[in-house]
N, C-alpha and C. Protein backbone atom coordinates (compact mmCIF):
# COMPACT_ATOMS: atom_id res chain seq x y z
N MET A 1 -52.68 14.41 11.71
CA MET A 1 -52.95 14.61 12.32
C MET A 1 -52.41 16.12 13.10
N ASP A 2 -52.46 16.91 13.76
CA ASP A 2 -52.00 18.18 14.99
C ASP A 2 -52.37 17.89 15.82
N ASP A 3 -51.89 17.22 16.57
CA ASP A 3 -52.64 17.01 17.99
C ASP A 3 -52.84 18.35 18.27
N ASP A 4 -52.30 19.50 18.46
CA ASP A 4 -52.68 20.86 19.28
C ASP A 4 -54.05 21.29 18.97
N HIS A 5 -54.97 20.40 17.91
CA HIS A 5 -56.74 20.97 17.79
C HIS A 5 -57.09 19.99 18.25
N VAL A 6 -57.17 18.83 18.52
CA VAL A 6 -57.79 17.68 19.70
C VAL A 6 -57.55 17.35 21.24
N ARG A 7 -56.63 18.09 21.13
CA ARG A 7 -56.38 18.26 22.94
C ARG A 7 -57.10 18.67 24.05
N TYR A 8 -58.27 19.90 23.60
CA TYR A 8 -59.51 19.96 24.04
C TYR A 8 -60.57 18.96 24.32
N PHE A 9 -60.48 17.92 23.17
CA PHE A 9 -62.14 18.09 22.92
C PHE A 9 -62.39 16.47 24.07
N ASN A 10 -63.85 16.98 25.11
CA ASN A 10 -64.27 15.78 25.90
C ASN A 10 -65.30 15.58 25.45
N GLY A 11 -66.09 14.25 25.64
CA GLY A 11 -67.59 13.38 25.33
C GLY A 11 -68.14 14.47 24.74
N THR A 12 -68.28 15.55 25.70
CA THR A 12 -69.64 16.56 25.06
C THR A 12 -69.40 17.95 23.48
N GLY A 13 -67.84 17.37 24.19
CA GLY A 13 -67.54 19.48 23.24
C GLY A 13 -67.43 20.56 24.24
N TRP A 14 -67.88 20.63 25.07
CA TRP A 14 -68.42 21.66 26.04
C TRP A 14 -67.06 21.87 26.57
N LEU A 15 -67.02 22.89 27.60
CA LEU A 15 -66.77 23.69 28.51
C LEU A 15 -67.22 24.37 29.78
N ALA A 16 -67.19 24.07 30.87
CA ALA A 16 -67.53 24.95 32.17
C ALA A 16 -66.85 25.63 32.56
N ILE A 17 -66.59 26.94 32.85
CA ILE A 17 -65.59 28.07 32.99
C ILE A 17 -66.49 28.59 34.63
N PHE A 18 -65.85 28.33 35.34
CA PHE A 18 -66.07 28.75 36.94
C PHE A 18 -64.75 29.85 36.94
N THR A 19 -65.75 30.80 37.91
CA THR A 19 -65.05 31.81 37.94
C THR A 19 -65.54 32.24 39.41
N GLY A 20 -64.47 32.82 40.81
CA GLY A 20 -65.74 32.97 42.12
C GLY A 20 -65.98 32.44 42.33
N THR A 21 -65.94 31.21 42.22
CA THR A 21 -66.28 30.07 43.56
C THR A 21 -65.35 29.67 44.15
N GLU A 22 -66.00 28.73 46.10
CA GLU A 22 -64.75 28.64 46.52
C GLU A 22 -64.23 27.71 46.65
N THR A 23 -64.53 26.83 45.49
CA THR A 23 -64.13 25.66 44.66
C THR A 23 -62.97 25.79 44.02
N THR A 24 -63.30 26.43 42.59
CA THR A 24 -62.84 25.86 40.94
C THR A 24 -62.57 27.86 40.66
N ILE A 25 -62.11 28.37 41.73
CA ILE A 25 -61.38 30.17 40.91
C ILE A 25 -60.58 29.71 39.97
N GLY A 26 -61.23 30.08 38.12
CA GLY A 26 -61.02 30.75 37.21
C GLY A 26 -60.66 28.86 36.39
N ARG A 27 -60.54 27.97 36.94
CA ARG A 27 -61.12 26.98 36.99
C ARG A 27 -61.99 26.65 35.33
N THR A 28 -61.11 25.63 34.35
CA THR A 28 -61.89 25.19 33.10
C THR A 28 -62.14 23.79 33.07
N VAL A 29 -63.77 23.02 33.08
CA VAL A 29 -63.90 21.50 33.64
C VAL A 29 -64.82 21.14 32.61
N HIS A 30 -64.39 20.03 31.97
CA HIS A 30 -65.02 19.07 31.24
C HIS A 30 -66.65 19.65 31.27
N VAL A 31 -67.58 19.63 30.66
CA VAL A 31 -69.01 19.50 30.61
C VAL A 31 -68.42 17.77 30.63
N ASP A 32 -69.61 16.64 31.56
CA ASP A 32 -69.84 15.95 31.47
C ASP A 32 -70.64 15.23 30.89
N ALA A 33 -72.19 15.50 30.87
CA ALA A 33 -72.90 15.54 30.20
C ALA A 33 -74.37 16.82 30.58
N TRP A 34 -75.52 16.22 30.55
CA TRP A 34 -76.76 17.25 30.73
C TRP A 34 -77.83 16.53 31.70
N ASP A 35 -78.16 17.75 32.58
CA ASP A 35 -79.66 17.67 32.51
C ASP A 35 -80.65 17.11 31.83
N GLU A 36 -81.25 15.97 32.31
CA GLU A 36 -82.23 15.38 31.14
C GLU A 36 -83.93 16.60 31.56
N ALA A 37 -83.69 16.81 32.85
CA ALA A 37 -85.15 17.60 33.38
C ALA A 37 -84.74 19.02 33.29
N THR A 38 -83.36 19.63 33.43
CA THR A 38 -83.02 20.93 33.72
C THR A 38 -82.13 21.76 31.79
N GLY A 39 -81.68 20.52 31.56
CA GLY A 39 -80.88 21.15 30.84
C GLY A 39 -79.28 21.65 30.83
N VAL A 40 -79.47 21.72 32.23
CA VAL A 40 -78.16 22.21 32.87
C VAL A 40 -76.52 21.96 32.65
N ALA A 41 -75.67 22.33 32.80
CA ALA A 41 -74.69 21.41 32.42
C ALA A 41 -74.01 20.75 33.62
N LEU A 42 -73.43 19.75 33.69
CA LEU A 42 -72.99 18.66 34.23
C LEU A 42 -71.58 18.67 34.35
N VAL A 43 -70.75 18.79 35.84
CA VAL A 43 -69.67 18.65 35.64
C VAL A 43 -68.92 17.36 36.64
N VAL A 44 -67.87 16.78 36.71
CA VAL A 44 -67.69 15.59 37.64
C VAL A 44 -67.15 16.54 38.87
N ASP A 45 -67.27 16.37 40.17
CA ASP A 45 -66.73 17.04 41.24
C ASP A 45 -66.22 16.18 42.35
N PRO A 46 -64.48 15.76 41.50
CA PRO A 46 -63.95 14.63 42.74
C PRO A 46 -63.75 14.55 43.65
N GLU A 47 -63.59 15.83 44.51
CA GLU A 47 -64.36 15.66 45.99
C GLU A 47 -65.69 15.50 46.44
N ARG A 48 -66.83 15.32 45.86
CA ARG A 48 -67.77 14.95 46.55
C ARG A 48 -68.27 13.19 45.28
N GLY A 49 -67.07 13.23 44.83
CA GLY A 49 -67.48 12.09 43.51
C GLY A 49 -68.90 11.97 42.70
N THR A 50 -69.33 12.54 42.84
CA THR A 50 -70.85 12.95 41.57
C THR A 50 -70.79 14.00 40.47
N ARG A 51 -71.60 13.98 40.18
CA ARG A 51 -71.84 14.95 39.01
C ARG A 51 -72.60 16.03 39.57
N ARG A 52 -72.36 17.72 38.94
CA ARG A 52 -73.01 18.83 40.42
C ARG A 52 -72.98 20.31 39.09
N PRO A 53 -73.89 20.60 38.98
CA PRO A 53 -74.62 21.88 38.00
C PRO A 53 -73.19 22.83 38.27
């Protein structure tokens, strides 16, 4: 298997791309889960130690 084709895999298979925010300018972050009530993507915020939209 070619490792170049699987290096972007994560649990959900989705990526969130942030631009123009105070903390994550131009960063790509793995979507960790989906909010069951709203359907919004959630990513892990290592500074807060929690998930956030």
